[in-house]
Amino acid sequence: ALVDAAADRLLALLAAIQADAAGGLHGDGVP
């Protein structure tokens, strides 16, 4: 269940960063 919860949250985070061309800590959409 831990692995499932972390995987769901991680995929959502990566998708959100990549969906914004200026997303993420570096502002380039690349996590």
PDB file of all heavy atoms in Angstrom:
ATOM      1  N   ALA A   1       0.835  -1.207   0.000  1.00  0.00           N
ATOM      2  CA  ALA A   1       0.000   0.000   0.000  1.00  0.00           C
ATOM      3  C   ALA A   1       0.863   1.248   0.000  1.00  0.00           C
ATOM      4  O   ALA A   1       0.503   2.266  -0.618  1.00  0.00           O
ATOM      5  CB  ALA A   1      -0.930  -0.013   1.217  1.00  0.00           C
ATOM      6  N   LEU A   2       1.996   1.206   0.686  1.00  0.00           N
ATOM      7  CA  LEU A   2       2.933   2.332   0.694  1.00  0.00           C
ATOM      8  C   LEU A   2       3.453   2.598  -0.712  1.00  0.00           C
ATOM      9  O   LEU A   2       3.475   3.744  -1.170  1.00  0.00           O
ATOM     10  CB  LEU A   2       4.079   2.027   1.654  1.00  0.00           C
ATOM     11  CG  LEU A   2       5.146   3.100   1.911  1.00  0.00           C
ATOM     12  CD1 LEU A   2       5.792   2.868   3.279  1.00  0.00           C
ATOM     13  CD2 LEU A   2       6.231   3.091   0.842  1.00  0.00           C
ATOM     14  N   VAL A   3       3.848   1.539  -1.389  1.00  0.00           N
ATOM     15  CA  VAL A   3       4.366   1.684  -2.750  1.00  0.00           C
ATOM     16  C   VAL A   3       3.296   2.240  -3.677  1.00  0.00           C
ATOM     17  O   VAL A   3       3.555   3.136  -4.495  1.00  0.00           O
ATOM     18  CB  VAL A   3       4.897   0.330  -3.258  1.00  0.00           C
ATOM     19  CG1 VAL A   3       5.205   0.384  -4.753  1.00  0.00           C
ATOM     20  CG2 VAL A   3       6.152  -0.080  -2.480  1.00  0.00           C
ATOM     21  N   ASP A   4       2.070   1.751  -3.541  1.00  0.00           N
ATOM     22  CA  ASP A   4       0.969   2.256  -4.369  1.00  0.00           C
ATOM     23  C   ASP A   4       0.731   3.746  -4.124  1.00  0.00           C
ATOM     24  O   ASP A   4       0.576   4.525  -5.070  1.00  0.00           O
ATOM     25  CB  ASP A   4      -0.319   1.482  -4.065  1.00  0.00           C
ATOM     26  CG  ASP A   4      -0.408   0.172  -4.823  1.00  0.00           C
ATOM     27  OD1 ASP A   4       0.259   0.041  -5.868  1.00  0.00           O
ATOM     28  OD2 ASP A   4      -1.157  -0.713  -4.385  1.00  0.00           O
ATOM     29  N   ALA A   5       0.681   4.125  -2.845  1.00  0.00           N
ATOM     30  CA  ALA A   5       0.400   5.529  -2.516  1.00  0.00           C
ATOM     31  C   ALA A   5       1.492   6.449  -3.033  1.00  0.00           C
ATOM     32  O   ALA A   5       1.216   7.522  -3.588  1.00  0.00           O
ATOM     33  CB  ALA A   5       0.249   5.676  -0.999  1.00  0.00           C
ATOM     34  N   ALA A   6       2.752   6.043  -2.846  1.00  0.00           N
ATOM     35  CA  ALA A   6       3.865   6.871  -3.310  1.00  0.00           C
ATOM     36  C   ALA A   6       3.892   6.944  -4.834  1.00  0.00           C
ATOM     37  O   ALA A   6       4.179   8.002  -5.410  1.00  0.00           O
ATOM     38  CB  ALA A   6       5.182   6.335  -2.769  1.00  0.00           C
ATOM     39  N   ALA A   7       3.602   5.830  -5.511  1.00  0.00           N
ATOM     40  CA  ALA A   7       3.619   5.818  -6.973  1.00  0.00           C
ATOM     41  C   ALA A   7       2.551   6.750  -7.542  1.00  0.00           C
ATOM     42  O   ALA A   7       2.810   7.516  -8.479  1.00  0.00           O
ATOM     43  CB  ALA A   7       3.412   4.400  -7.492  1.00  0.00           C
ATOM     44  N   ASP A   8       1.343   6.693  -6.978  1.00  0.00           N
ATOM     45  CA  ASP A   8       0.264   7.566  -7.455  1.00  0.00           C
ATOM     46  C   ASP A   8       0.646   9.035  -7.284  1.00  0.00           C
ATOM     47  O   ASP A   8       0.466   9.849  -8.196  1.00  0.00           O
ATOM     48  CB  ASP A   8      -1.021   7.280  -6.677  1.00  0.00           C
ATOM     49  CG  ASP A   8      -1.691   5.982  -7.084  1.00  0.00           C
ATOM     50  OD1 ASP A   8      -1.337   5.442  -8.146  1.00  0.00           O
ATOM     51  OD2 ASP A   8      -2.554   5.504  -6.322  1.00  0.00           O
ATOM     52  N   ARG A   9       1.173   9.356  -6.123  1.00  0.00           N
ATOM     53  CA  ARG A   9       1.517  10.753  -5.834  1.00  0.00           C
ATOM     54  C   ARG A   9       2.686  11.216  -6.695  1.00  0.00           C
ATOM     55  O   ARG A   9       2.721  12.372  -7.149  1.00  0.00           O
ATOM     56  CB  ARG A   9       1.843  10.887  -4.346  1.00  0.00           C
ATOM     57  CG  ARG A   9       1.988  12.305  -3.847  1.00  0.00           C
ATOM     58  CD  ARG A   9       1.782  12.332  -2.343  1.00  0.00           C
ATOM     59  NE  ARG A   9       2.065  13.627  -1.767  1.00  0.00           N
ATOM     60  CZ  ARG A   9       1.719  13.988  -0.533  1.00  0.00           C
ATOM     61  NH1 ARG A   9       1.058  13.138   0.236  1.00  0.00           N
ATOM     62  NH2 ARG A   9       2.011  15.192  -0.076  1.00  0.00           N
ATOM     63  N   LEU A  10       3.634  10.329  -6.938  1.00  0.00           N
ATOM     64  CA  LEU A  10       4.801  10.695  -7.745  1.00  0.00           C
ATOM     65  C   LEU A  10       4.418  10.918  -9.201  1.00  0.00           C
ATOM     66  O   LEU A  10       4.861  11.897  -9.824  1.00  0.00           O
ATOM     67  CB  LEU A  10       5.869   9.613  -7.624  1.00  0.00           C
ATOM     68  CG  LEU A  10       7.154   9.810  -8.434  1.00  0.00           C
ATOM     69  CD1 LEU A  10       7.747  11.192  -8.233  1.00  0.00           C
ATOM     70  CD2 LEU A  10       8.172   8.736  -8.064  1.00  0.00           C
ATOM     71  N   LEU A  11       3.598  10.040  -9.757  1.00  0.00           N
ATOM     72  CA  LEU A  11       3.183  10.234 -11.144  1.00  0.00           C
ATOM     73  C   LEU A  11       2.397  11.534 -11.303  1.00  0.00           C
ATOM     74  O   LEU A  11       2.568  12.256 -12.294  1.00  0.00           O
ATOM     75  CB  LEU A  11       2.348   9.042 -11.608  1.00  0.00           C
ATOM     76  CG  LEU A  11       3.132   7.748 -11.874  1.00  0.00           C
ATOM     77  CD1 LEU A  11       2.169   6.589 -12.097  1.00  0.00           C
ATOM     78  CD2 LEU A  11       4.070   7.898 -13.069  1.00  0.00           C
ATOM     79  N   ALA A  12       1.553  11.855 -10.329  1.00  0.00           N
ATOM     80  CA  ALA A  12       0.806  13.108 -10.384  1.00  0.00           C
ATOM     81  C   ALA A  12       1.734  14.314 -10.313  1.00  0.00           C
ATOM     82  O   ALA A  12       1.547  15.304 -11.041  1.00  0.00           O
ATOM     83  CB  ALA A  12      -0.214  13.161  -9.246  1.00  0.00           C
ATOM     84  N   LEU A  13       2.749  14.232  -9.465  1.00  0.00           N
ATOM     85  CA  LEU A  13       3.709  15.333  -9.353  1.00  0.00           C
ATOM     86  C   LEU A  13       4.484  15.521 -10.649  1.00  0.00           C
ATOM     87  O   LEU A  13       4.614  16.656 -11.148  1.00  0.00           O
ATOM     88  CB  LEU A  13       4.684  15.044  -8.205  1.00  0.00           C
ATOM     89  CG  LEU A  13       5.887  15.992  -8.087  1.00  0.00           C
ATOM     90  CD1 LEU A  13       5.432  17.407  -7.764  1.00  0.00           C
ATOM     91  CD2 LEU A  13       6.864  15.473  -7.026  1.00  0.00           C
ATOM     92  N   LEU A  14       4.996  14.444 -11.214  1.00  0.00           N
ATOM     93  CA  LEU A  14       5.774  14.541 -12.451  1.00  0.00           C
ATOM     94  C   LEU A  14       4.925  15.097 -13.591  1.00  0.00           C
ATOM     95  O   LEU A  14       5.377  15.947 -14.361  1.00  0.00           O
ATOM     96  CB  LEU A  14       6.326  13.174 -12.822  1.00  0.00           C
ATOM     97  CG  LEU A  14       7.329  12.554 -11.846  1.00  0.00           C
ATOM     98  CD1 LEU A  14       7.663  11.122 -12.264  1.00  0.00           C
ATOM     99  CD2 LEU A  14       8.597  13.388 -11.750  1.00  0.00           C
ATOM    100  N   ALA A  15       3.680  14.616 -13.696  1.00  0.00           N
ATOM    101  CA  ALA A  15       2.792  15.095 -14.753  1.00  0.00           C
ATOM    102  C   ALA A  15       2.507  16.585 -14.592  1.00  0.00           C
ATOM    103  O   ALA A  15       2.473  17.334 -15.581  1.00  0.00           O
ATOM    104  CB  ALA A  15       1.493  14.295 -14.747  1.00  0.00           C
ATOM    105  N   ALA A  16       2.317  17.023 -13.359  1.00  0.00           N
ATOM    106  CA  ALA A  16       2.022  18.440 -13.125  1.00  0.00           C
ATOM    107  C   ALA A  16       3.208  19.324 -13.496  1.00  0.00           C
ATOM    108  O   ALA A  16       3.031  20.393 -14.101  1.00  0.00           O
ATOM    109  CB  ALA A  16       1.646  18.658 -11.661  1.00  0.00           C
ATOM    110  N   ILE A  17       4.406  18.905 -13.152  1.00  0.00           N
ATOM    111  CA  ILE A  17       5.599  19.683 -13.510  1.00  0.00           C
ATOM    112  C   ILE A  17       5.751  19.757 -15.021  1.00  0.00           C
ATOM    113  O   ILE A  17       6.011  20.824 -15.591  1.00  0.00           O
ATOM    114  CB  ILE A  17       6.850  19.077 -12.858  1.00  0.00           C
ATOM    115  CG1 ILE A  17       6.813  19.259 -11.336  1.00  0.00           C
ATOM    116  CG2 ILE A  17       8.130  19.702 -13.441  1.00  0.00           C
ATOM    117  CD1 ILE A  17       7.929  18.531 -10.595  1.00  0.00           C
ATOM    118  N   GLN A  18       5.568  18.622 -15.698  1.00  0.00           N
ATOM    119  CA  GLN A  18       5.775  18.581 -17.141  1.00  0.00           C
ATOM    120  C   GLN A  18       4.660  19.279 -17.917  1.00  0.00           C
ATOM    121  O   GLN A  18       4.871  19.708 -19.054  1.00  0.00           O
ATOM    122  CB  GLN A  18       5.912  17.130 -17.607  1.00  0.00           C
ATOM    123  CG  GLN A  18       7.185  16.463 -17.118  1.00  0.00           C
ATOM    124  CD  GLN A  18       7.362  15.053 -17.665  1.00  0.00           C
ATOM    125  OE1 GLN A  18       6.400  14.399 -18.064  1.00  0.00           O
ATOM    126  NE2 GLN A  18       8.599  14.579 -17.688  1.00  0.00           N
ATOM    127  N   ALA A  19       3.490  19.411 -17.317  1.00  0.00           N
ATOM    128  CA  ALA A  19       2.368  20.053 -18.009  1.00  0.00           C
ATOM    129  C   ALA A  19       2.554  21.559 -18.165  1.00  0.00           C
ATOM    130  O   ALA A  19       1.904  22.196 -19.000  1.00  0.00           O
ATOM    131  CB  ALA A  19       1.066  19.771 -17.269  1.00  0.00           C
ATOM    132  N   ASP A  20       3.458  22.116 -17.369  1.00  0.00           N
ATOM    133  CA  ASP A  20       3.719  23.552 -17.397  1.00  0.00           C
ATOM    134  C   ASP A  20       5.116  23.778 -17.969  1.00  0.00           C
ATOM    135  O   ASP A  20       6.098  23.295 -17.417  1.00  0.00           O
ATOM    136  CB  ASP A  20       3.625  24.107 -15.973  1.00  0.00           C
ATOM    137  CG  ASP A  20       3.842  25.607 -15.899  1.00  0.00           C
ATOM    138  OD1 ASP A  20       4.184  26.222 -16.927  1.00  0.00           O
ATOM    139  OD2 ASP A  20       3.686  26.165 -14.801  1.00  0.00           O
ATOM    140  N   ALA A  21       5.203  24.494 -19.083  1.00  0.00           N
ATOM    141  CA  ALA A  21       6.506  24.722 -19.718  1.00  0.00           C
ATOM    142  C   ALA A  21       7.474  25.419 -18.782  1.00  0.00           C
ATOM    143  O   ALA A  21       8.697  25.331 -18.952  1.00  0.00           O
ATOM    144  CB  ALA A  21       6.337  25.542 -20.991  1.00  0.00           C
ATOM    145  N   ALA A  22       6.957  26.116 -17.778  1.00  0.00           N
ATOM    146  CA  ALA A  22       7.798  26.778 -16.785  1.00  0.00           C
ATOM    147  C   ALA A  22       7.690  26.087 -15.429  1.00  0.00           C
ATOM    148  O   ALA A  22       7.961  26.683 -14.391  1.00  0.00           O
ATOM    149  CB  ALA A  22       7.407  28.249 -16.649  1.00  0.00           C
ATOM    150  N   GLY A  23       7.307  24.826 -15.444  1.00  0.00           N
ATOM    151  CA  GLY A  23       7.076  24.106 -14.211  1.00  0.00           C
ATOM    152  C   GLY A  23       8.345  23.599 -13.555  1.00  0.00           C
ATOM    153  O   GLY A  23       9.411  23.518 -14.163  1.00  0.00           O
ATOM    154  N   GLY A  24       8.218  23.241 -12.303  1.00  0.00           N
ATOM    155  CA  GLY A  24       9.329  22.662 -11.560  1.00  0.00           C
ATOM    156  C   GLY A  24      10.258  23.697 -10.969  1.00  0.00           C
ATOM    157  O   GLY A  24      10.172  24.895 -11.250  1.00  0.00           O
ATOM    158  N   LEU A  25      11.170  23.211 -10.172  1.00  0.00           N
ATOM    159  CA  LEU A  25      12.096  24.082  -9.452  1.00  0.00           C
ATOM    160  C   LEU A  25      12.969  24.898 -10.401  1.00  0.00           C
ATOM    161  O   LEU A  25      13.372  26.013 -10.080  1.00  0.00           O
ATOM    162  CB  LEU A  25      12.967  23.214  -8.535  1.00  0.00           C
ATOM    163  CG  LEU A  25      13.834  23.910  -7.491  1.00  0.00           C
ATOM    164  CD1 LEU A  25      12.984  24.729  -6.535  1.00  0.00           C
ATOM    165  CD2 LEU A  25      14.648  22.871  -6.710  1.00  0.00           C
ATOM    166  N   HIS A  26      13.268  24.351 -11.586  1.00  0.00           N
ATOM    167  CA  HIS A  26      14.150  25.031 -12.533  1.00  0.00           C
ATOM    168  C   HIS A  26      13.384  25.831 -13.587  1.00  0.00           C
ATOM    169  O   HIS A  26      14.001  26.448 -14.465  1.00  0.00           O
ATOM    170  CB  HIS A  26      15.078  24.014 -13.211  1.00  0.00           C
ATOM    171  CG  HIS A  26      16.124  23.465 -12.287  1.00  0.00           C
ATOM    172  ND1 HIS A  26      15.838  22.545 -11.315  1.00  0.00           N
ATOM    173  CD2 HIS A  26      17.450  23.730 -12.196  1.00  0.00           C
ATOM    174  CE1 HIS A  26      16.942  22.256 -10.658  1.00  0.00           C
ATOM    175  NE2 HIS A  26      17.925  22.951 -11.162  1.00  0.00           N
ATOM    176  N   GLY A  27      12.055  25.802 -13.522  1.00  0.00           N
ATOM    177  CA  GLY A  27      11.257  26.612 -14.429  1.00  0.00           C
ATOM    178  C   GLY A  27      11.327  26.193 -15.882  1.00  0.00           C
ATOM    179  O   GLY A  27      11.087  27.017 -16.774  1.00  0.00           O
ATOM    180  N   ASP A  28      11.616  24.907 -16.136  1.00  0.00           N
ATOM    181  CA  ASP A  28      11.722  24.431 -17.518  1.00  0.00           C
ATOM    182  C   ASP A  28      10.844  23.221 -17.817  1.00  0.00           C
ATOM    183  O   ASP A  28      10.960  22.616 -18.884  1.00  0.00           O
ATOM    184  CB  ASP A  28      13.180  24.106 -17.853  1.00  0.00           C
ATOM    185  CG  ASP A  28      13.787  23.048 -16.922  1.00  0.00           C
ATOM    186  OD1 ASP A  28      13.058  22.524 -16.051  1.00  0.00           O
ATOM    187  OD2 ASP A  28      14.999  22.763 -17.069  1.00  0.00           O
ATOM    188  N   GLY A  29       9.985  22.856 -16.867  1.00  0.00           N
ATOM    189  CA  GLY A  29       9.112  21.709 -17.084  1.00  0.00           C
ATOM    190  C   GLY A  29       9.803  20.368 -17.009  1.00  0.00           C
ATOM    191  O   GLY A  29       9.211  19.347 -17.383  1.00  0.00           O
ATOM    192  N   VAL A  30      11.023  20.339 -16.514  1.00  0.00           N
ATOM    193  CA  VAL A  30      11.796  19.095 -16.417  1.00  0.00           C
ATOM    194  C   VAL A  30      12.038  18.773 -14.940  1.00  0.00           C
ATOM    195  O   VAL A  30      12.785  19.486 -14.266  1.00  0.00           O
ATOM    196  CB  VAL A  30      13.152  19.199 -17.147  1.00  0.00           C
ATOM    197  CG1 VAL A  30      13.959  17.919 -16.978  1.00  0.00           C
ATOM    198  CG2 VAL A  30      12.928  19.506 -18.629  1.00  0.00           C
ATOM    199  N   PRO A  31      11.414  17.719 -14.408  1.00  0.00           N
ATOM    200  CA  PRO A  31      11.629  17.375 -13.006  1.00  0.00           C
ATOM    201  C   PRO A  31      13.038  16.831 -12.767  1.00  0.00           C
ATOM    202  O   PRO A  31      13.599  16.122 -13.605  1.00  0.00           O
ATOM    203  CB  PRO A  31      10.587  16.267 -12.734  1.00  0.00           C
ATOM    204  CG  PRO A  31       9.650  16.309 -13.889  1.00  0.00           C
ATOM    205  CD  PRO A  31      10.423  16.841 -15.051  1.00  0.00           C
TER     206      PRO A  31
END
